[in-house]
Amino acid sequence: MPETVNHQNLVMHSANFQLGGGIYSISVTSGNIAVRSDAIEFQRLVNGAFVSIDPPARFVSTDVGSTRLSKLLPAGTYRWTISLAFGHNINTAVVKAN
């Protein structure tokens, strides 16, 4: 069974979670991202700060239902970073692709 992390009804940053490393399918599966807000982003913890993966996995209101395929990601701590804006409520999935 592939490594999978799902979140339901996120309105602010997700709790930190661990990934074992590899290539991942990163999705905002459903919900609402506030229009004209900062993008919601999947990030990893590096030296005490959450930073963009390369290439960044950012989602705006028109991206709900879409997926980004990551390059090779190292094992580590990750989270969904969500700006403080009224109207966010998303469901997400991170699934190991290899």
PDB file of N, CA and C in Angstrom:
ATOM      1  N   MET A   1       0.846  -1.180   0.000  1.00  0.00           N
ATOM      2  CA  MET A   1       0.000   0.000   0.000  1.00  0.00           C
ATOM      3  C   MET A   1       0.891   1.243   0.000  1.00  0.00           C
ATOM      4  N   PRO A   2       0.586   2.237  -0.861  1.00  0.00           N
ATOM      5  CA  PRO A   2       1.436   3.417  -0.920  1.00  0.00           C
ATOM      6  C   PRO A   2       1.289   4.295   0.326  1.00  0.00           C
ATOM      7  N   GLU A   3       2.323   5.055   0.586  1.00  0.00           N
ATOM      8  CA  GLU A   3       2.303   6.022   1.690  1.00  0.00           C
ATOM      9  C   GLU A   3       1.326   7.144   1.323  1.00  0.00           C
ATOM     10  N   THR A   4       0.368   7.431   2.201  1.00  0.00           N
ATOM     11  CA  THR A   4      -0.657   8.439   1.937  1.00  0.00           C
ATOM     12  C   THR A   4      -0.915   9.260   3.188  1.00  0.00           C
ATOM     13  N   VAL A   5      -1.039  10.592   3.008  1.00  0.00           N
ATOM     14  CA  VAL A   5      -1.442  11.487   4.099  1.00  0.00           C
ATOM     15  C   VAL A   5      -2.593  12.334   3.575  1.00  0.00           C
ATOM     16  N   ASN A   6      -3.741  12.236   4.233  1.00  0.00           N
ATOM     17  CA  ASN A   6      -4.924  13.020   3.859  1.00  0.00           C
ATOM     18  C   ASN A   6      -5.260  13.996   4.978  1.00  0.00           C
ATOM     19  N   HIS A   7      -5.787  15.149   4.593  1.00  0.00           N
ATOM     20  CA  HIS A   7      -6.320  16.110   5.553  1.00  0.00           C
ATOM     21  C   HIS A   7      -7.717  16.500   5.096  1.00  0.00           C
ATOM     22  N   GLN A   8      -8.603  16.692   6.056  1.00  0.00           N
ATOM     23  CA  GLN A   8      -9.987  17.062   5.774  1.00  0.00           C
ATOM     24  C   GLN A   8     -10.297  18.414   6.416  1.00  0.00           C
ATOM     25  N   ASN A   9     -11.000  19.260   5.686  1.00  0.00           N
ATOM     26  CA  ASN A   9     -11.518  20.521   6.213  1.00  0.00           C
ATOM     27  C   ASN A   9     -10.450  21.434   6.806  1.00  0.00           C
ATOM     28  N   LEU A  10      -9.325  21.572   6.109  1.00  0.00           N
ATOM     29  CA  LEU A  10      -8.278  22.489   6.576  1.00  0.00           C
ATOM     30  C   LEU A  10      -8.714  23.929   6.361  1.00  0.00           C
ATOM     31  N   VAL A  11      -8.604  24.740   7.406  1.00  0.00           N
ATOM     32  CA  VAL A  11      -8.873  26.169   7.300  1.00  0.00           C
ATOM     33  C   VAL A  11      -7.642  26.986   7.701  1.00  0.00           C
ATOM     34  N   MET A  12      -6.638  26.314   8.260  1.00  0.00           N
ATOM     35  CA  MET A  12      -5.356  26.920   8.603  1.00  0.00           C
ATOM     36  C   MET A  12      -4.278  25.862   8.412  1.00  0.00           C
ATOM     37  N   HIS A  13      -3.034  26.211   8.738  1.00  0.00           N
ATOM     38  CA  HIS A  13      -1.928  25.270   8.537  1.00  0.00           C
ATOM     39  C   HIS A  13      -2.290  23.883   9.071  1.00  0.00           C
ATOM     40  N   SER A  14      -1.854  22.857   8.341  1.00  0.00           N
ATOM     41  CA  SER A  14      -2.059  21.495   8.836  1.00  0.00           C
ATOM     42  C   SER A  14      -1.082  21.218   9.972  1.00  0.00           C
ATOM     43  N   ALA A  15      -1.348  20.176  10.719  1.00  0.00           N
ATOM     44  CA  ALA A  15      -0.353  19.685  11.668  1.00  0.00           C
ATOM     45  C   ALA A  15       0.840  19.185  10.865  1.00  0.00           C
ATOM     46  N   ASN A  16       2.020  19.276  11.441  1.00  0.00           N
ATOM     47  CA  ASN A  16       3.209  18.734  10.783  1.00  0.00           C
ATOM     48  C   ASN A  16       3.054  17.230  10.633  1.00  0.00           C
ATOM     49  N   PHE A  17       3.591  16.685   9.528  1.00  0.00           N
ATOM     50  CA  PHE A  17       3.552  15.242   9.321  1.00  0.00           C
ATOM     51  C   PHE A  17       4.834  14.784   8.649  1.00  0.00           C
ATOM     52  N   GLN A  18       5.109  13.499   8.779  1.00  0.00           N
ATOM     53  CA  GLN A  18       6.343  12.911   8.259  1.00  0.00           C
ATOM     54  C   GLN A  18       6.084  12.191   6.938  1.00  0.00           C
ATOM     55  N   LEU A  19       7.037  12.342   6.021  1.00  0.00           N
ATOM     56  CA  LEU A  19       7.039  11.547   4.793  1.00  0.00           C
ATOM     57  C   LEU A  19       8.364  10.798   4.725  1.00  0.00           C
ATOM     58  N   GLY A  20       8.316   9.613   4.155  1.00  0.00           N
ATOM     59  CA  GLY A  20       9.484   8.746   4.105  1.00  0.00           C
ATOM     60  C   GLY A  20      10.449   9.051   2.976  1.00  0.00           C
ATOM     61  N   GLY A  21      10.084   9.945   2.068  1.00  0.00           N
ATOM     62  CA  GLY A  21      10.950  10.302   0.948  1.00  0.00           C
ATOM     63  C   GLY A  21      10.545   9.577  -0.318  1.00  0.00           C
ATOM     64  N   GLY A  22      10.658  10.270  -1.446  1.00  0.00           N
ATOM     65  CA  GLY A  22      10.308   9.707  -2.744  1.00  0.00           C
ATOM     66  C   GLY A  22       9.636  10.757  -3.606  1.00  0.00           C
ATOM     67  N   ILE A  23       8.925  10.309  -4.609  1.00  0.00           N
ATOM     68  CA  ILE A  23       8.154  11.185  -5.490  1.00  0.00           C
ATOM     69  C   ILE A  23       6.697  11.080  -5.066  1.00  0.00           C
ATOM     70  N   TYR A  24       6.025  12.237  -4.940  1.00  0.00           N
ATOM     71  CA  TYR A  24       4.668  12.272  -4.408  1.00  0.00           C
ATOM     72  C   TYR A  24       3.710  12.988  -5.345  1.00  0.00           C
ATOM     73  N   SER A  25       2.478  12.522  -5.343  1.00  0.00           N
ATOM     74  CA  SER A  25       1.358  13.187  -5.977  1.00  0.00           C
ATOM     75  C   SER A  25       0.724  14.055  -4.889  1.00  0.00           C
ATOM     76  N   ILE A  26       0.689  15.384  -5.110  1.00  0.00           N
ATOM     77  CA  ILE A  26       0.258  16.355  -4.104  1.00  0.00           C
ATOM     78  C   ILE A  26      -1.014  17.017  -4.618  1.00  0.00           C
ATOM     79  N   SER A  27      -2.125  16.875  -3.885  1.00  0.00           N
ATOM     80  CA  SER A  27      -3.425  17.311  -4.400  1.00  0.00           C
ATOM     81  C   SER A  27      -4.227  18.118  -3.395  1.00  0.00           C
ATOM     82  N   VAL A  28      -4.943  19.109  -3.909  1.00  0.00           N
ATOM     83  CA  VAL A  28      -6.078  19.701  -3.199  1.00  0.00           C
ATOM     84  C   VAL A  28      -7.280  19.045  -3.856  1.00  0.00           C
ATOM     85  N   THR A  29      -7.839  18.056  -3.182  1.00  0.00           N
ATOM     86  CA  THR A  29      -8.842  17.192  -3.807  1.00  0.00           C
ATOM     87  C   THR A  29     -10.204  17.859  -3.939  1.00  0.00           C
ATOM     88  N   SER A  30     -10.561  18.683  -2.959  1.00  0.00           N
ATOM     89  CA  SER A  30     -11.864  19.362  -3.000  1.00  0.00           C
ATOM     90  C   SER A  30     -11.872  20.481  -1.984  1.00  0.00           C
ATOM     91  N   GLY A  31     -12.938  21.256  -1.991  1.00  0.00           N
ATOM     92  CA  GLY A  31     -13.095  22.332  -1.029  1.00  0.00           C
ATOM     93  C   GLY A  31     -13.070  23.690  -1.681  1.00  0.00           C
ATOM     94  N   ASN A  32     -12.704  24.687  -0.891  1.00  0.00           N
ATOM     95  CA  ASN A  32     -12.714  26.067  -1.349  1.00  0.00           C
ATOM     96  C   ASN A  32     -11.439  26.777  -0.909  1.00  0.00           C
ATOM     97  N   ILE A  33     -10.787  27.446  -1.851  1.00  0.00           N
ATOM     98  CA  ILE A  33      -9.662  28.332  -1.562  1.00  0.00           C
ATOM     99  C   ILE A  33     -10.168  29.745  -1.838  1.00  0.00           C
ATOM    100  N   ALA A  34     -10.013  30.627  -0.870  1.00  0.00           N
ATOM    101  CA  ALA A  34     -10.525  31.989  -1.015  1.00  0.00           C
ATOM    102  C   ALA A  34      -9.918  32.661  -2.245  1.00  0.00           C
ATOM    103  N   VAL A  35     -10.770  33.332  -3.008  1.00  0.00           N
ATOM    104  CA  VAL A  35     -10.344  34.070  -4.195  1.00  0.00           C
ATOM    105  C   VAL A  35      -9.502  35.268  -3.750  1.00  0.00           C
ATOM    106  N   ARG A  36      -8.473  35.583  -4.515  1.00  0.00           N
ATOM    107  CA  ARG A  36      -7.564  36.708  -4.266  1.00  0.00           C
ATOM    108  C   ARG A  36      -6.815  36.583  -2.942  1.00  0.00           C
ATOM    109  N   SER A  37      -6.603  35.373  -2.470  1.00  0.00           N
ATOM    110  CA  SER A  37      -5.791  35.166  -1.272  1.00  0.00           C
ATOM    111  C   SER A  37      -4.444  34.608  -1.705  1.00  0.00           C
ATOM    112  N   ASP A  38      -3.507  34.555  -0.768  1.00  0.00           N
ATOM    113  CA  ASP A  38      -2.229  33.911  -1.057  1.00  0.00           C
ATOM    114  C   ASP A  38      -2.474  32.439  -1.363  1.00  0.00           C
ATOM    115  N   ALA A  39      -1.610  31.869  -2.178  1.00  0.00           N
ATOM    116  CA  ALA A  39      -1.739  30.459  -2.530  1.00  0.00           C
ATOM    117  C   ALA A  39      -1.556  29.575  -1.301  1.00  0.00           C
ATOM    118  N   ILE A  40      -2.257  28.457  -1.319  1.00  0.00           N
ATOM    119  CA  ILE A  40      -2.035  27.405  -0.330  1.00  0.00           C
ATOM    120  C   ILE A  40      -0.852  26.596  -0.846  1.00  0.00           C
ATOM    121  N   GLU A  41       0.061  26.237   0.051  1.00  0.00           N
ATOM    122  CA  GLU A  41       1.302  25.609  -0.404  1.00  0.00           C
ATOM    123  C   GLU A  41       1.676  24.414   0.455  1.00  0.00           C
ATOM    124  N   PHE A  42       2.188  23.381  -0.207  1.00  0.00           N
ATOM    125  CA  PHE A  42       2.753  22.209   0.448  1.00  0.00           C
ATOM    126  C   PHE A  42       4.229  22.509   0.678  1.00  0.00           C
ATOM    127  N   GLN A  43       4.701  22.461   1.948  1.00  0.00           N
ATOM    128  CA  GLN A  43       6.073  22.854   2.266  1.00  0.00           C
ATOM    129  C   GLN A  43       6.753  21.828   3.155  1.00  0.00           C
ATOM    130  N   ARG A  44       8.103  21.926   3.191  1.00  0.00           N
ATOM    131  CA  ARG A  44       8.871  21.043   4.064  1.00  0.00           C
ATOM    132  C   ARG A  44       9.680  21.856   5.058  1.00  0.00           C
ATOM    133  N   LEU A  45       9.994  21.241   6.194  1.00  0.00           N
ATOM    134  CA  LEU A  45      10.747  21.879   7.270  1.00  0.00           C
ATOM    135  C   LEU A  45      12.240  21.729   6.999  1.00  0.00           C
ATOM    136  N   VAL A  46      12.937  22.867   6.930  1.00  0.00           N
ATOM    137  CA  VAL A  46      14.387  22.888   6.714  1.00  0.00           C
ATOM    138  C   VAL A  46      14.991  23.869   7.712  1.00  0.00           C
ATOM    139  N   ASN A  47      15.863  23.392   8.567  1.00  0.00           N
ATOM    140  CA  ASN A  47      16.544  24.249   9.552  1.00  0.00           C
ATOM    141  C   ASN A  47      15.575  25.123  10.342  1.00  0.00           C
ATOM    142  N   GLY A  48      14.468  24.546  10.769  1.00  0.00           N
ATOM    143  CA  GLY A  48      13.525  25.247  11.626  1.00  0.00           C
ATOM    144  C   GLY A  48      12.501  26.126  10.932  1.00  0.00           C
ATOM    145  N   ALA A  49      12.515  26.168   9.588  1.00  0.00           N
ATOM    146  CA  ALA A  49      11.548  26.999   8.856  1.00  0.00           C
ATOM    147  C   ALA A  49      10.894  26.178   7.750  1.00  0.00           C
ATOM    148  N   PHE A  50       9.620  26.440   7.487  1.00  0.00           N
ATOM    149  CA  PHE A  50       8.951  25.767   6.376  1.00  0.00           C
ATOM    150  C   PHE A  50       9.255  26.520   5.092  1.00  0.00           C
ATOM    151  N   VAL A  51       9.712  25.777   4.080  1.00  0.00           N
ATOM    152  CA  VAL A  51      10.120  26.362   2.803  1.00  0.00           C
ATOM    153  C   VAL A  51       9.449  25.609   1.659  1.00  0.00           C
ATOM    154  N   SER A  52       9.427  26.259   0.492  1.00  0.00           N
ATOM    155  CA  SER A  52       8.850  25.640  -0.703  1.00  0.00           C
ATOM    156  C   SER A  52       9.654  24.428  -1.114  1.00  0.00           C
ATOM    157  N   ILE A  53       8.953  23.436  -1.647  1.00  0.00           N
ATOM    158  CA  ILE A  53       9.665  22.330  -2.290  1.00  0.00           C
ATOM    159  C   ILE A  53      10.065  22.821  -3.678  1.00  0.00           C
ATOM    160  N   ASP A  54      10.882  22.062  -4.379  1.00  0.00           N
ATOM    161  CA  ASP A  54      11.340  22.460  -5.710  1.00  0.00           C
ATOM    162  C   ASP A  54      10.894  21.418  -6.727  1.00  0.00           C
ATOM    163  N   PRO A  55      10.025  21.774  -7.679  1.00  0.00           N
ATOM    164  CA  PRO A  55       9.348  23.068  -7.847  1.00  0.00           C
ATOM    165  C   PRO A  55       8.235  23.221  -6.812  1.00  0.00           C
ATOM    166  N   PRO A  56       7.841  24.480  -6.523  1.00  0.00           N
ATOM    167  CA  PRO A  56       6.796  24.711  -5.519  1.00  0.00           C
ATOM    168  C   PRO A  56       5.483  24.026  -5.876  1.00  0.00           C
ATOM    169  N   ALA A  57       4.757  23.595  -4.853  1.00  0.00           N
ATOM    170  CA  ALA A  57       3.417  23.013  -5.032  1.00  0.00           C
ATOM    171  C   ALA A  57       2.431  23.985  -4.404  1.00  0.00           C
ATOM    172  N   ARG A  58       1.994  24.962  -5.225  1.00  0.00           N
ATOM    173  CA  ARG A  58       1.068  26.008  -4.772  1.00  0.00           C
ATOM    174  C   ARG A  58      -0.271  25.838  -5.466  1.00  0.00           C
ATOM    175  N   PHE A  59      -1.330  26.170  -4.731  1.00  0.00           N
ATOM    176  CA  PHE A  59      -2.682  26.012  -5.246  1.00  0.00           C
ATOM    177  C   PHE A  59      -3.477  27.293  -4.968  1.00  0.00           C
ATOM    178  N   VAL A  60      -4.189  27.797  -5.984  1.00  0.00           N
ATOM    179  CA  VAL A  60      -5.093  28.940  -5.832  1.00  0.00           C
ATOM    180  C   VAL A  60      -6.515  28.447  -6.084  1.00  0.00           C
ATOM    181  N   SER A  61      -7.476  29.353  -6.015  1.00  0.00           N
ATOM    182  CA  SER A  61      -8.888  28.952  -6.081  1.00  0.00           C
ATOM    183  C   SER A  61      -9.234  28.137  -7.324  1.00  0.00           C
ATOM    184  N   THR A  62      -8.615  28.418  -8.443  1.00  0.00           N
ATOM    185  CA  THR A  62      -8.925  27.679  -9.675  1.00  0.00           C
ATOM    186  C   THR A  62      -8.228  26.319  -9.743  1.00  0.00           C
ATOM    187  N   ASP A  63      -7.390  25.997  -8.749  1.00  0.00           N
ATOM    188  CA  ASP A  63      -6.644  24.732  -8.746  1.00  0.00           C
ATOM    189  C   ASP A  63      -7.294  23.631  -7.923  1.00  0.00           C
ATOM    190  N   VAL A  64      -8.430  23.916  -7.283  1.00  0.00           N
ATOM    191  CA  VAL A  64      -9.095  22.872  -6.488  1.00  0.00           C
ATOM    192  C   VAL A  64      -9.430  21.707  -7.417  1.00  0.00           C
ATOM    193  N   GLY A  65      -9.058  20.510  -7.001  1.00  0.00           N
ATOM    194  CA  GLY A  65      -9.253  19.317  -7.814  1.00  0.00           C
ATOM    195  C   GLY A  65      -8.028  18.943  -8.627  1.00  0.00           C
ATOM    196  N   SER A  66      -6.971  19.732  -8.527  1.00  0.00           N
ATOM    197  CA  SER A  66      -5.772  19.448  -9.327  1.00  0.00           C
ATOM    198  C   SER A  66      -4.671  18.806  -8.486  1.00  0.00           C
ATOM    199  N   THR A  67      -3.677  18.294  -9.190  1.00  0.00           N
ATOM    200  CA  THR A  67      -2.573  17.552  -8.579  1.00  0.00           C
ATOM    201  C   THR A  67      -1.252  18.053  -9.135  1.00  0.00           C
ATOM    202  N   ARG A  68      -0.232  18.090  -8.280  1.00  0.00           N
ATOM    203  CA  ARG A  68       1.139  18.386  -8.694  1.00  0.00           C
ATOM    204  C   ARG A  68       1.977  17.141  -8.402  1.00  0.00           C
ATOM    205  N   LEU A  69       2.858  16.801  -9.320  1.00  0.00           N
ATOM    206  CA  LEU A  69       3.782  15.688  -9.099  1.00  0.00           C
ATOM    207  C   LEU A  69       5.119  16.275  -8.677  1.00  0.00           C
ATOM    208  N   SER A  70       5.611  15.858  -7.512  1.00  0.00           N
ATOM    209  CA  SER A  70       6.870  16.396  -6.994  1.00  0.00           C
ATOM    210  C   SER A  70       8.057  15.745  -7.698  1.00  0.00           C
ATOM    211  N   LYS A  71       9.192  16.416  -7.582  1.00  0.00           N
ATOM    212  CA  LYS A  71      10.455  15.757  -7.876  1.00  0.00           C
ATOM    213  C   LYS A  71      10.761  14.901  -6.647  1.00  0.00           C
ATOM    214  N   LEU A  72      11.908  14.278  -6.620  1.00  0.00           N
ATOM    215  CA  LEU A  72      12.310  13.448  -5.486  1.00  0.00           C
ATOM    216  C   LEU A  72      12.398  14.305  -4.225  1.00  0.00           C
ATOM    217  N   LEU A  73      11.611  13.958  -3.218  1.00  0.00           N
ATOM    218  CA  LEU A  73      11.620  14.675  -1.938  1.00  0.00           C
ATOM    219  C   LEU A  73      12.328  13.830  -0.889  1.00  0.00           C
ATOM    220  N   PRO A  74      13.107  14.478  -0.015  1.00  0.00           N
ATOM    221  CA  PRO A  74      13.767  13.721   1.050  1.00  0.00           C
ATOM    222  C   PRO A  74      12.775  13.353   2.154  1.00  0.00           C
ATOM    223  N   ALA A  75      13.131  12.357   2.932  1.00  0.00           N
ATOM    224  CA  ALA A  75      12.349  12.052   4.134  1.00  0.00           C
ATOM    225  C   ALA A  75      12.403  13.274   5.038  1.00  0.00           C
ATOM    226  N   GLY A  76      11.311  13.557   5.734  1.00  0.00           N
ATOM    227  CA  GLY A  76      11.330  14.703   6.630  1.00  0.00           C
ATOM    228  C   GLY A  76       9.942  15.126   7.059  1.00  0.00           C
ATOM    229  N   THR A  77       9.876  16.338   7.598  1.00  0.00           N
ATOM    230  CA  THR A  77       8.648  16.915   8.125  1.00  0.00           C
ATOM    231  C   THR A  77       8.063  17.877   7.097  1.00  0.00           C
ATOM    232  N   TYR A  78       6.764  17.765   6.889  1.00  0.00           N
ATOM    233  CA  TYR A  78       6.051  18.572   5.898  1.00  0.00           C
ATOM    234  C   TYR A  78       4.779  19.125   6.515  1.00  0.00           C
ATOM    235  N   ARG A  79       4.165  20.110   5.828  1.00  0.00           N
ATOM    236  CA  ARG A  79       2.850  20.609   6.225  1.00  0.00           C
ATOM    237  C   ARG A  79       2.214  21.333   5.035  1.00  0.00           C
ATOM    238  N   TRP A  80       0.919  21.551   5.141  1.00  0.00           N
ATOM    239  CA  TRP A  80       0.194  22.439   4.243  1.00  0.00           C
ATOM    240  C   TRP A  80       0.201  23.808   4.905  1.00  0.00           C
ATOM    241  N   THR A  81       0.703  24.819   4.196  1.00  0.00           N
ATOM    242  CA  THR A  81       0.763  26.184   4.710  1.00  0.00           C
ATOM    243  C   THR A  81      -0.386  26.970   4.087  1.00  0.00           C
ATOM    244  N   ILE A  82      -1.243  27.502   4.940  1.00  0.00           N
ATOM    245  CA  ILE A  82      -2.462  28.166   4.493  1.00  0.00           C
ATOM    246  C   ILE A  82      -2.493  29.565   5.084  1.00  0.00           C
ATOM    247  N   SER A  83      -2.651  30.566   4.217  1.00  0.00           N
ATOM    248  CA  SER A  83      -2.705  31.957   4.667  1.00  0.00           C
ATOM    249  C   SER A  83      -3.945  32.189   5.521  1.00  0.00           C
ATOM    250  N   LEU A  84      -3.868  33.195   6.350  1.00  0.00           N
ATOM    251  CA  LEU A  84      -5.014  33.553   7.175  1.00  0.00           C
ATOM    252  C   LEU A  84      -5.973  34.373   6.327  1.00  0.00           C
ATOM    253  N   ALA A  85      -6.925  33.713   5.736  1.00  0.00           N
ATOM    254  CA  ALA A  85      -7.936  34.384   4.905  1.00  0.00           C
ATOM    255  C   ALA A  85      -9.268  33.708   5.149  1.00  0.00           C
ATOM    256  N   PHE A  86     -10.298  34.485   5.199  1.00  0.00           N
ATOM    257  CA  PHE A  86     -11.629  33.926   5.386  1.00  0.00           C
ATOM    258  C   PHE A  86     -12.032  33.174   4.121  1.00  0.00           C
ATOM    259  N   GLY A  87     -12.526  31.981   4.257  1.00  0.00           N
ATOM    260  CA  GLY A  87     -13.054  31.261   3.118  1.00  0.00           C
ATOM    261  C   GLY A  87     -12.312  29.997   2.729  1.00  0.00           C
ATOM    262  N   HIS A  88     -11.155  29.720   3.329  1.00  0.00           N
ATOM    263  CA  HIS A  88     -10.461  28.474   3.015  1.00  0.00           C
ATOM    264  C   HIS A  88     -11.130  27.312   3.742  1.00  0.00           C
ATOM    265  N   ASN A  89     -11.290  26.208   3.038  1.00  0.00           N
ATOM    266  CA  ASN A  89     -11.752  24.958   3.625  1.00  0.00           C
ATOM    267  C   ASN A  89     -11.451  23.887   2.585  1.00  0.00           C
ATOM    268  N   ILE A  90     -10.338  23.180   2.770  1.00  0.00           N
ATOM    269  CA  ILE A  90      -9.875  22.257   1.721  1.00  0.00           C
ATOM    270  C   ILE A  90      -9.649  20.854   2.261  1.00  0.00           C
ATOM    271  N   ASN A  91      -9.698  19.904   1.331  1.00  0.00           N
ATOM    272  CA  ASN A  91      -9.328  18.515   1.573  1.00  0.00           C
ATOM    273  C   ASN A  91      -8.111  18.232   0.698  1.00  0.00           C
ATOM    274  N   THR A  92      -7.130  17.559   1.271  1.00  0.00           N
ATOM    275  CA  THR A  92      -5.867  17.334   0.561  1.00  0.00           C
ATOM    276  C   THR A  92      -5.454  15.873   0.605  1.00  0.00           C
ATOM    277  N   ALA A  93      -4.574  15.526  -0.316  1.00  0.00           N
ATOM    278  CA  ALA A  93      -3.989  14.178  -0.331  1.00  0.00           C
ATOM    279  C   ALA A  93      -2.541  14.280  -0.799  1.00  0.00           C
ATOM    280  N   VAL A  94      -1.670  13.576  -0.117  1.00  0.00           N
ATOM    281  CA  VAL A  94      -0.277  13.423  -0.522  1.00  0.00           C
ATOM    282  C   VAL A  94      -0.034  11.919  -0.607  1.00  0.00           C
ATOM    283  N   VAL A  95       0.265  11.430  -1.818  1.00  0.00           N
ATOM    284  CA  VAL A  95       0.378   9.996  -2.042  1.00  0.00           C
ATOM    285  C   VAL A  95       1.717   9.698  -2.700  1.00  0.00           C
ATOM    286  N   LYS A  96       2.450   8.752  -2.133  1.00  0.00           N
ATOM    287  CA  LYS A  96       3.729   8.368  -2.720  1.00  0.00           C
ATOM    288  C   LYS A  96       3.483   7.730  -4.078  1.00  0.00           C
ATOM    289  N   ALA A  97       4.203   8.231  -5.085  1.00  0.00           N
ATOM    290  CA  ALA A  97       3.979   7.787  -6.447  1.00  0.00           C
ATOM    291  C   ALA A  97       4.961   6.698  -6.880  1.00  0.00           C
ATOM    292  N   ASN A  98       6.012   6.481  -6.136  1.00  0.00           N
ATOM    293  CA  ASN A  98       6.991   5.452  -6.531  1.00  0.00           C
ATOM    294  C   ASN A  98       7.299   4.521  -5.389  1.00  0.00           C
TER     295      ASN A  98
END
